[in-house]
Amino acid sequence: MIKDFHKYQAQTSPYPLGMEVSHAIGSYIYDTNNKKYLDFVAGVSACTLGHQNKRVNDAIKNQLDKYSHVMVYGEYAQSPAVEFCKLLASLLPKPLDKTYLVNSGTEATEGALKLARRVTGRSQLISCNNAYHGNTMGSMSVMGFEERKRIFRPLIPDVDFITFNNEEDLQKITTKTAGIILESIQGGAGFIQPENGFLKKVRERCTEVGALLIIDEIQPGFGRTGKLFGFENYDVVPDVIILGKGMGGGMPVGAFTASSEMMDLLSDNPKLGHITTFGGHPVIAAACLATLQEITETDLIPKTLEKEKLFRSLLVHPLIQEVRGRGLMLAAMTDDAEITNQVILKCQDKGLILFWLLFEGKAIRITPPLNISEDEIREGCAIILEVMDEVKASLNK
C-alpha cells in the first residue's frame, strides 16, 4: 500500500509519515501490522471525540438509511442541518444566529471574507503575521507567511497584515477596512494566546470604524479550550466566526456564522452570493449534530482544563522550554527544531502520535481527543519523557 500511496496519491510534502492504517478506535490508531499508536493529535484537532465514537457513528448510519445528498445547499429543508444550526445558535451569544454550512475550514474562510466585503461595501482585509486560515486562493491571501504563498502570487488584492498582540498595529484598521480576521488562539504560529485584552481592543477598534471582526475558531473551537469557542475566554463577541475541524467529529466540514441580518445579504443582490453543492450534506450534518450534543451534554469541555493541568504537571523536562496553549490545544516548545523533529519521529516509533505546527518548527503539537483518559495522558507523556531522555543523552555525547 505504501508504494501505491506514493505513486498514485498526491502528497503535501516530500516526506509523509506513511503509516499504513488498518483501523482506529477511541484514542488509538492501529497500523496494518496491528501495532497500536496512542493519538495525541486527533487528526490535527478534528477528531473531537476520538475514533469510532458510538454516538457519532450511530448518527451517520441512521442518516445513511434515510437519505444522503438530495439537493444543492439551501434549497431543501433537511433535518440534520436544520437541527445542528438551531442548536448552535442556542449556544452562541447574540447576534450570532445564522450559519452557512460548507465543506471545509478554508471554504468557510472564503465565505466569511466575501461576507465582510458584502456587508461593508469595502475591499480591504486585514490579517495577522503568521496567521493560517486555509490554503485556497482567498484564504492563502490572508495567510501571514510569505514563504508558503510567494510562488502562487498574484493573490487577492488589498490585504494587509498586523502583528498578533501588537496594539499599535490596530490603527491600521480604518474606515477602509471591510474586516479583520484573527484566530482566537494563533495555531500555526505556535499556539499563541491573546494578551492584555488584545481581542477586546480589536473588537473596540472594529466597532469604532465599522469593520467586521472575523474570528477563526477552526482549531480552538468545539470545546478544545475549556469553552465551546475560544473567543469566549476573552470576553468578546465577533461579527463572524469560522468553524471547521472538530465540528464534524472526524468528518469533513466547515461553516461560518453571523447575524441573520448579515447572512441574508448573501442570498440576494446578487442571488447565490455564496453557493456550494455539498455543504450541509445530511450525513455530515448528522455527525456534527451528534458531536455538538455529546460535548455540550457532558462534562468534556470543563474537563479539558483539568487535563491541561495534568499535561503541564507531567511535561517537565530540560528539553521543554514551555508548554503553550490552553485546554487540549497545547504545544510543548523545545529550543531547536531538530530536537522537535527527533522527538516526534521517535515517539511514533514507540507508539505515540505527535505532530508539528505549520510555522513554528520548535513546537510539538499535543491536541488529543477531548475524551482522552487521564491514564492515556500519563501513558503518552511517559513516552515523551522517555524519548526526550534519549535525545538529551545523544546531544551530550
Protein backbone atom coordinates (compact mmCIF):
# COMPACT_ATOMS: atom_id res chain seq x y z
CA MET A 1 0.00 0.00 0.00
CA ILE A 2 2.78 2.47 0.82
CA LYS A 3 4.24 2.09 -2.68
CA ASP A 4 0.85 2.86 -4.28
CA PHE A 5 0.33 5.70 -1.77
CA HIS A 6 3.42 7.45 -3.12
CA LYS A 7 2.75 6.55 -6.75
CA TYR A 8 -0.92 7.43 -7.14
CA GLN A 9 -1.84 9.85 -4.34
CA ALA A 10 -0.63 13.45 -4.49
CA GLN A 11 1.45 14.40 -1.45
CA THR A 12 1.66 17.53 0.68
CA SER A 13 5.36 17.17 1.40
CA PRO A 14 8.30 15.10 0.15
CA TYR A 15 8.42 13.06 3.36
CA PRO A 16 4.97 12.00 4.63
CA LEU A 17 4.94 9.84 7.75
CA GLY A 18 3.49 6.98 5.72
CA MET A 19 1.83 4.93 8.43
CA GLU A 20 -0.30 2.20 6.82
CA VAL A 21 -3.57 2.50 8.75
CA SER A 22 -5.69 -0.55 9.49
CA HIS A 23 -8.30 0.76 11.94
CA ALA A 24 -8.77 3.22 14.77
CA ILE A 25 -10.86 3.24 17.92
CA GLY A 26 -11.03 5.55 20.91
CA SER A 27 -7.67 7.25 21.40
CA TYR A 28 -5.72 4.70 19.36
CA ILE A 29 -4.83 4.14 15.70
CA TYR A 30 -3.65 0.70 14.53
CA ASP A 31 -1.36 0.03 11.59
CA THR A 32 -1.53 -2.94 9.23
CA ASN A 33 0.87 -4.84 11.49
CA ASN A 34 -1.64 -4.33 14.31
CA LYS A 35 0.75 -2.05 16.18
CA LYS A 36 -1.25 0.49 18.17
CA TYR A 37 -0.45 4.17 18.48
CA LEU A 38 -1.82 6.49 21.14
CA ASP A 39 -3.18 9.50 19.30
CA PHE A 40 -2.15 12.86 20.79
CA VAL A 41 -3.09 14.73 17.58
CA ALA A 42 -6.72 13.71 16.82
CA GLY A 43 -6.44 14.27 13.09
CA VAL A 44 -4.98 17.74 13.75
CA SER A 45 -7.75 18.71 16.19
CA ALA A 46 -10.52 17.22 14.01
CA CYS A 47 -11.46 14.03 15.88
CA THR A 48 -13.08 15.75 18.85
CA LEU A 49 -14.47 12.53 20.32
CA GLY A 50 -11.69 10.22 19.20
CA HIS A 51 -12.11 7.43 16.68
CA GLN A 52 -15.30 5.46 16.06
CA ASN A 53 -17.31 7.32 18.69
CA LYS A 54 -20.56 5.38 19.03
CA ARG A 55 -22.89 8.39 19.13
CA VAL A 56 -21.33 9.89 16.01
CA ASN A 57 -21.19 6.56 14.17
CA ASP A 58 -24.82 5.79 15.00
CA ALA A 59 -25.90 9.21 13.74
CA ILE A 60 -24.05 8.64 10.47
CA LYS A 61 -25.50 5.16 9.97
CA ASN A 62 -29.03 6.25 10.84
CA GLN A 63 -28.87 9.12 8.36
CA LEU A 64 -27.47 6.88 5.62
CA ASP A 65 -30.54 4.68 6.00
CA LYS A 66 -32.78 7.71 5.36
CA TYR A 67 -31.12 9.70 2.59
CA SER A 68 -27.77 11.12 1.57
CA HIS A 69 -27.31 14.03 -0.86
CA VAL A 70 -30.60 15.16 -2.39
CA MET A 71 -30.17 18.79 -3.50
CA VAL A 72 -27.66 21.62 -3.62
CA TYR A 73 -27.26 23.64 -0.45
CA GLY A 74 -30.04 25.92 0.68
CA GLU A 75 -32.96 24.57 -1.37
CA TYR A 76 -34.47 21.77 0.73
CA ALA A 77 -35.06 21.69 4.47
CA GLN A 78 -33.11 18.71 5.80
CA SER A 79 -33.41 17.81 9.46
CA PRO A 80 -29.74 17.18 10.40
CA ALA A 81 -28.55 20.54 9.07
CA VAL A 82 -31.52 22.46 10.46
CA GLU A 83 -31.21 20.89 13.90
CA PHE A 84 -27.47 21.46 14.02
CA CYS A 85 -27.74 25.15 13.07
CA LYS A 86 -30.59 25.64 15.56
CA LEU A 87 -28.62 24.06 18.41
CA LEU A 88 -25.52 26.04 17.52
CA ALA A 89 -27.49 29.31 17.55
CA SER A 90 -28.82 28.48 21.03
CA LEU A 91 -25.25 28.10 22.31
CA LEU A 92 -23.79 31.26 20.76
CA PRO A 93 -24.08 34.85 22.00
CA LYS A 94 -26.35 37.22 20.14
CA PRO A 95 -26.43 38.22 17.35
CA LEU A 96 -24.63 35.11 16.04
CA ASP A 97 -27.71 33.17 15.00
CA LYS A 98 -27.43 32.02 11.37
CA THR A 99 -24.92 29.53 10.00
CA TYR A 100 -23.82 28.73 6.45
CA LEU A 101 -22.60 25.13 6.20
CA VAL A 102 -19.75 24.34 3.80
CA ASN A 103 -17.28 21.52 3.18
CA SER A 104 -14.06 22.64 4.89
CA GLY A 105 -12.46 25.31 7.03
CA THR A 106 -10.84 27.05 4.08
CA GLU A 107 -14.18 27.32 2.28
CA ALA A 108 -15.65 28.81 5.44
CA THR A 109 -12.87 31.40 5.40
CA GLU A 110 -13.68 32.23 1.78
CA GLY A 111 -17.32 32.76 2.67
CA ALA A 112 -16.51 34.95 5.67
CA LEU A 113 -14.20 37.18 3.63
CA LYS A 114 -16.86 37.59 0.95
CA LEU A 115 -19.42 38.40 3.64
CA ALA A 116 -17.21 41.15 5.08
CA ARG A 117 -16.96 42.81 1.68
CA ARG A 118 -20.68 42.36 1.01
CA VAL A 119 -21.75 43.83 4.36
CA THR A 120 -19.42 46.83 4.37
CA GLY A 121 -19.03 47.63 0.68
CA ARG A 122 -15.30 47.94 1.39
CA SER A 123 -12.42 45.92 0.00
CA GLN A 124 -9.53 45.99 2.49
CA LEU A 125 -8.95 42.85 4.54
CA ILE A 126 -6.52 42.64 7.45
CA SER A 127 -4.94 39.52 8.88
CA CYS A 128 -2.01 38.73 11.17
CA ASN A 129 1.57 37.78 10.55
CA ASN A 130 1.99 34.02 10.92
CA ALA A 131 -1.76 33.51 10.61
CA TYR A 132 -3.25 30.48 8.91
CA HIS A 133 -6.86 30.36 7.70
CA GLY A 134 -6.72 27.78 4.92
CA ASN A 135 -4.98 27.19 1.63
CA THR A 136 -7.33 28.14 -1.21
CA MET A 137 -6.56 31.38 -3.02
CA GLY A 138 -8.61 33.72 -0.84
CA SER A 139 -7.62 32.00 2.39
CA MET A 140 -3.99 31.97 1.28
CA SER A 141 -4.23 35.70 0.66
CA VAL A 142 -4.82 36.24 4.39
CA MET A 143 -2.16 33.72 5.41
CA GLY A 144 0.63 35.62 7.11
CA PHE A 145 3.55 33.52 5.95
CA GLU A 146 5.06 34.75 2.70
CA GLU A 147 7.31 31.74 2.13
CA ARG A 148 4.27 29.48 1.64
CA LYS A 149 2.43 31.75 -0.78
CA ARG A 150 5.04 33.62 -2.82
CA ILE A 151 5.05 31.09 -5.66
CA PHE A 152 1.25 31.35 -6.06
CA ARG A 153 1.04 35.13 -6.43
CA PRO A 154 -0.79 37.22 -7.52
CA LEU A 155 -3.38 36.55 -4.83
CA ILE A 156 -6.42 38.70 -4.00
CA PRO A 157 -5.52 42.40 -3.63
CA ASP A 158 -5.98 44.88 -0.78
CA VAL A 159 -4.83 42.62 2.05
CA ASP A 160 -2.67 43.99 4.87
CA PHE A 161 -1.12 42.44 7.95
CA ILE A 162 -0.64 43.30 11.60
CA THR A 163 1.20 41.50 14.39
CA PHE A 164 -0.86 39.49 16.88
CA ASN A 165 -0.88 41.17 20.32
CA ASN A 166 0.58 44.41 18.92
CA GLU A 167 -1.85 47.15 19.98
CA GLU A 168 -0.14 49.86 17.95
CA ASP A 169 -0.98 47.96 14.77
CA LEU A 170 -4.70 48.37 15.44
CA GLN A 171 -4.53 51.85 13.92
CA LYS A 172 -4.19 50.09 10.57
CA ILE A 173 -7.86 49.14 10.92
CA THR A 174 -9.64 52.13 9.35
CA THR A 175 -12.85 53.16 7.62
CA LYS A 176 -11.43 51.47 4.51
CA THR A 177 -11.32 48.09 6.23
CA ALA A 178 -14.01 45.54 5.41
CA GLY A 179 -12.89 43.10 8.06
CA ILE A 180 -10.05 41.80 10.17
CA ILE A 181 -9.61 38.06 10.50
CA LEU A 182 -7.95 36.63 13.61
CA GLU A 183 -7.55 33.25 15.25
CA SER A 184 -8.73 33.34 18.85
CA ILE A 185 -5.51 31.43 19.56
CA GLN A 186 -2.90 31.57 16.82
CA GLY A 187 -2.39 27.97 15.70
CA GLY A 188 0.34 27.66 13.09
CA ALA A 189 2.34 30.42 14.79
CA GLY A 190 2.80 28.33 17.94
CA PHE A 191 -0.48 28.31 19.92
CA ILE A 192 -0.14 31.96 20.93
CA GLN A 193 -2.91 33.34 23.13
CA PRO A 194 -4.16 36.96 23.11
CA GLU A 195 -2.57 39.10 25.80
CA ASN A 196 -3.58 42.28 27.65
CA GLY A 197 -7.13 42.25 26.32
CA PHE A 198 -5.93 42.25 22.71
CA LEU A 199 -9.10 40.75 21.24
CA LYS A 200 -11.28 43.21 23.15
CA LYS A 201 -9.21 46.09 21.80
CA VAL A 202 -9.58 44.73 18.26
CA ARG A 203 -13.34 44.50 18.85
CA GLU A 204 -13.47 48.11 20.03
CA ARG A 205 -11.47 49.33 17.03
CA CYS A 206 -13.67 47.42 14.59
CA THR A 207 -16.80 48.89 16.16
CA GLU A 208 -15.27 52.36 16.02
CA VAL A 209 -14.55 52.24 12.26
CA GLY A 210 -17.37 49.96 11.11
CA ALA A 211 -15.19 46.97 10.18
CA LEU A 212 -16.21 43.37 10.80
CA LEU A 213 -14.36 41.25 13.34
CA ILE A 214 -13.97 37.71 11.98
CA ILE A 215 -12.74 35.13 14.49
CA ASP A 216 -11.33 31.86 13.19
CA GLU A 217 -12.34 29.03 15.55
CA ILE A 218 -11.31 26.17 13.26
CA GLN A 219 -8.72 24.88 15.73
CA PRO A 220 -9.81 26.25 19.14
CA GLY A 221 -13.50 25.63 18.52
CA PHE A 222 -15.85 22.97 19.83
CA GLY A 223 -14.65 22.65 23.38
CA ARG A 224 -10.90 22.40 23.00
CA THR A 225 -10.03 25.43 25.18
CA GLY A 226 -12.40 24.99 28.12
CA LYS A 227 -15.19 26.91 26.40
CA LEU A 228 -17.27 25.90 23.41
CA PHE A 229 -15.33 28.51 21.41
CA GLY A 230 -12.01 30.16 22.07
CA PHE A 231 -13.30 33.73 21.83
CA GLU A 232 -15.49 33.10 24.90
CA ASN A 233 -12.31 33.02 27.00
CA TYR A 234 -11.57 36.64 26.12
CA ASP A 235 -14.90 38.42 26.66
CA VAL A 236 -15.57 39.43 23.06
CA VAL A 237 -18.36 38.79 20.59
CA PRO A 238 -17.19 38.74 16.95
CA ASP A 239 -19.31 39.65 13.95
CA VAL A 240 -18.46 36.40 12.16
CA ILE A 241 -17.00 33.11 13.35
CA ILE A 242 -15.35 30.50 11.14
CA LEU A 243 -15.76 26.84 12.06
CA GLY A 244 -14.36 23.50 10.93
CA LYS A 245 -12.13 20.61 12.08
CA GLY A 246 -13.62 19.39 15.39
CA MET A 247 -17.10 20.40 14.33
CA GLY A 248 -17.64 17.16 12.42
CA GLY A 249 -16.20 14.63 14.85
CA GLY A 250 -13.82 13.42 12.17
CA MET A 251 -15.98 14.15 9.13
CA PRO A 252 -15.10 16.88 6.57
CA VAL A 253 -16.98 20.10 7.26
CA GLY A 254 -16.80 23.86 7.71
CA ALA A 255 -19.17 26.72 8.47
CA PHE A 256 -19.34 30.43 9.07
CA THR A 257 -21.82 32.08 11.42
CA ALA A 258 -23.03 35.67 11.69
CA SER A 259 -26.23 37.56 12.37
CA SER A 260 -29.30 36.87 10.25
CA GLU A 261 -29.15 40.46 9.04
CA MET A 262 -25.67 39.96 7.65
CA MET A 263 -26.05 36.42 6.41
CA ASP A 264 -29.23 37.17 4.47
CA LEU A 265 -27.23 39.55 2.26
CA LEU A 266 -25.61 36.54 0.60
CA SER A 267 -28.97 35.37 -0.75
CA ASP A 268 -29.87 38.45 -2.77
CA ASN A 269 -28.37 41.28 -4.83
CA PRO A 270 -26.85 39.17 -6.21
CA LYS A 271 -28.66 35.94 -5.62
CA LEU A 272 -26.36 32.99 -4.98
CA GLY A 273 -23.79 35.26 -3.30
CA HIS A 274 -22.22 32.12 -1.91
CA ILE A 275 -23.06 28.64 -3.14
CA THR A 276 -21.97 25.05 -2.56
CA THR A 277 -23.25 21.71 -3.78
CA PHE A 278 -22.34 19.51 -0.82
CA GLY A 279 -22.31 21.99 2.08
CA GLY A 280 -24.81 20.87 4.73
CA HIS A 281 -24.61 17.28 3.48
CA PRO A 282 -27.12 15.37 5.64
CA VAL A 283 -24.70 12.61 6.68
CA ILE A 284 -22.01 15.12 7.65
CA ALA A 285 -24.56 17.33 9.41
CA ALA A 286 -25.79 14.33 11.41
CA ALA A 287 -22.21 13.76 12.59
CA CYS A 288 -21.89 17.45 13.51
CA LEU A 289 -25.13 17.38 15.48
CA ALA A 290 -24.13 14.26 17.41
CA THR A 291 -20.70 15.74 18.15
CA LEU A 292 -22.12 19.02 19.40
CA GLN A 293 -24.71 17.24 21.53
CA GLU A 294 -22.10 14.98 23.08
CA ILE A 295 -19.67 17.73 24.04
CA THR A 296 -22.38 20.04 25.41
CA GLU A 297 -24.42 17.41 27.28
CA THR A 298 -21.39 16.00 29.13
CA ASP A 299 -18.54 17.42 31.21
CA LEU A 300 -15.97 17.12 28.42
CA ILE A 301 -15.50 20.87 27.97
CA PRO A 302 -14.67 21.81 31.59
CA LYS A 303 -12.55 18.67 31.91
CA THR A 304 -10.23 19.93 29.16
CA LEU A 305 -8.84 22.38 31.71
CA GLU A 306 -8.24 19.60 34.24
CA LYS A 307 -6.49 17.57 31.57
CA GLU A 308 -4.40 20.60 30.65
CA LYS A 309 -3.20 20.79 34.26
CA LEU A 310 -2.27 17.10 34.13
CA PHE A 311 -0.30 17.58 30.91
CA ARG A 312 1.53 20.56 32.38
CA SER A 313 2.37 18.68 35.58
CA LEU A 314 3.81 15.76 33.61
CA LEU A 315 5.61 17.54 30.78
CA VAL A 316 8.55 18.77 32.81
CA HIS A 317 11.92 18.11 31.19
CA PRO A 318 15.14 20.04 30.45
CA LEU A 319 14.32 19.92 26.72
CA ILE A 320 10.88 21.52 27.24
CA GLN A 321 11.21 25.29 27.44
CA GLU A 322 7.49 25.91 27.98
CA VAL A 323 4.06 24.49 27.24
CA ARG A 324 1.91 26.93 25.29
CA GLY A 325 -1.80 26.96 24.67
CA ARG A 326 -4.99 26.30 26.60
CA GLY A 327 -7.09 23.26 27.40
CA LEU A 328 -6.29 20.47 24.95
CA MET A 329 -4.72 22.80 22.42
CA LEU A 330 -1.14 22.58 23.66
CA ALA A 331 2.36 22.88 22.23
CA ALA A 332 5.47 21.71 24.05
CA MET A 333 8.27 24.02 22.96
CA THR A 334 11.89 22.93 22.61
CA ASP A 335 14.70 25.33 21.79
CA ASP A 336 15.60 23.69 18.48
CA ALA A 337 13.55 22.44 15.51
CA GLU A 338 15.79 19.41 15.11
CA ILE A 339 15.08 18.35 18.68
CA THR A 340 11.38 18.67 17.96
CA ASN A 341 11.75 16.56 14.82
CA GLN A 342 13.59 13.82 16.69
CA VAL A 343 11.03 13.74 19.49
CA ILE A 344 8.05 13.50 17.14
CA LEU A 345 9.58 10.77 14.98
CA LYS A 346 11.00 8.70 17.85
CA CYS A 347 7.67 8.91 19.71
CA GLN A 348 5.90 7.48 16.69
CA ASP A 349 8.37 4.59 16.70
CA LYS A 350 7.38 3.96 20.33
CA GLY A 351 3.64 4.13 19.63
CA LEU A 352 2.72 7.77 20.29
CA ILE A 353 1.45 10.14 17.61
CA LEU A 354 2.61 13.75 17.88
CA PHE A 355 2.84 16.32 15.10
CA TRP A 356 4.27 19.66 14.01
CA LEU A 357 2.79 23.15 13.73
CA LEU A 358 2.79 24.93 10.39
CA PHE A 359 5.14 27.84 11.01
CA GLU A 360 6.80 27.21 14.39
CA GLY A 361 9.38 24.48 13.94
CA LYS A 362 10.20 24.17 17.64
CA ALA A 363 6.64 23.25 18.66
CA ILE A 364 5.39 19.73 19.41
CA ARG A 365 1.64 19.61 18.78
CA ILE A 366 -0.48 18.00 21.52
CA THR A 367 -4.17 18.11 20.57
CA PRO A 368 -5.71 14.79 21.65
CA PRO A 369 -9.41 13.88 21.59
CA LEU A 370 -11.40 15.67 24.28
CA ASN A 371 -12.41 12.33 25.78
CA ILE A 372 -8.87 11.03 26.19
CA SER A 373 -8.49 9.45 29.63
CA GLU A 374 -6.09 10.53 32.36
CA ASP A 375 -4.39 7.14 32.16
CA GLU A 376 -3.84 7.64 28.41
CA ILE A 377 -2.40 11.10 29.07
CA ARG A 378 0.02 9.60 31.59
CA GLU A 379 0.93 6.82 29.14
CA GLY A 380 1.70 9.27 26.34
CA CYS A 381 3.61 11.74 28.49
CA ALA A 382 5.77 8.90 29.82
CA ILE A 383 6.74 8.09 26.22
CA ILE A 384 7.57 11.74 25.53
CA LEU A 385 9.81 11.96 28.60
CA GLU A 386 11.50 8.65 27.77
CA VAL A 387 12.25 9.86 24.25
CA MET A 388 13.46 13.22 25.49
CA ASP A 389 15.87 11.47 27.85
CA GLU A 390 17.25 9.57 24.85
CA VAL A 391 17.52 12.72 22.73
CA LYS A 392 19.19 14.63 25.57
CA ALA A 393 21.69 11.82 26.10
CA SER A 394 22.58 11.83 22.38
CA LEU A 395 23.11 15.60 22.49
CA ASN A 396 25.51 15.24 25.41
CA LYS A 397 27.76 12.72 23.65
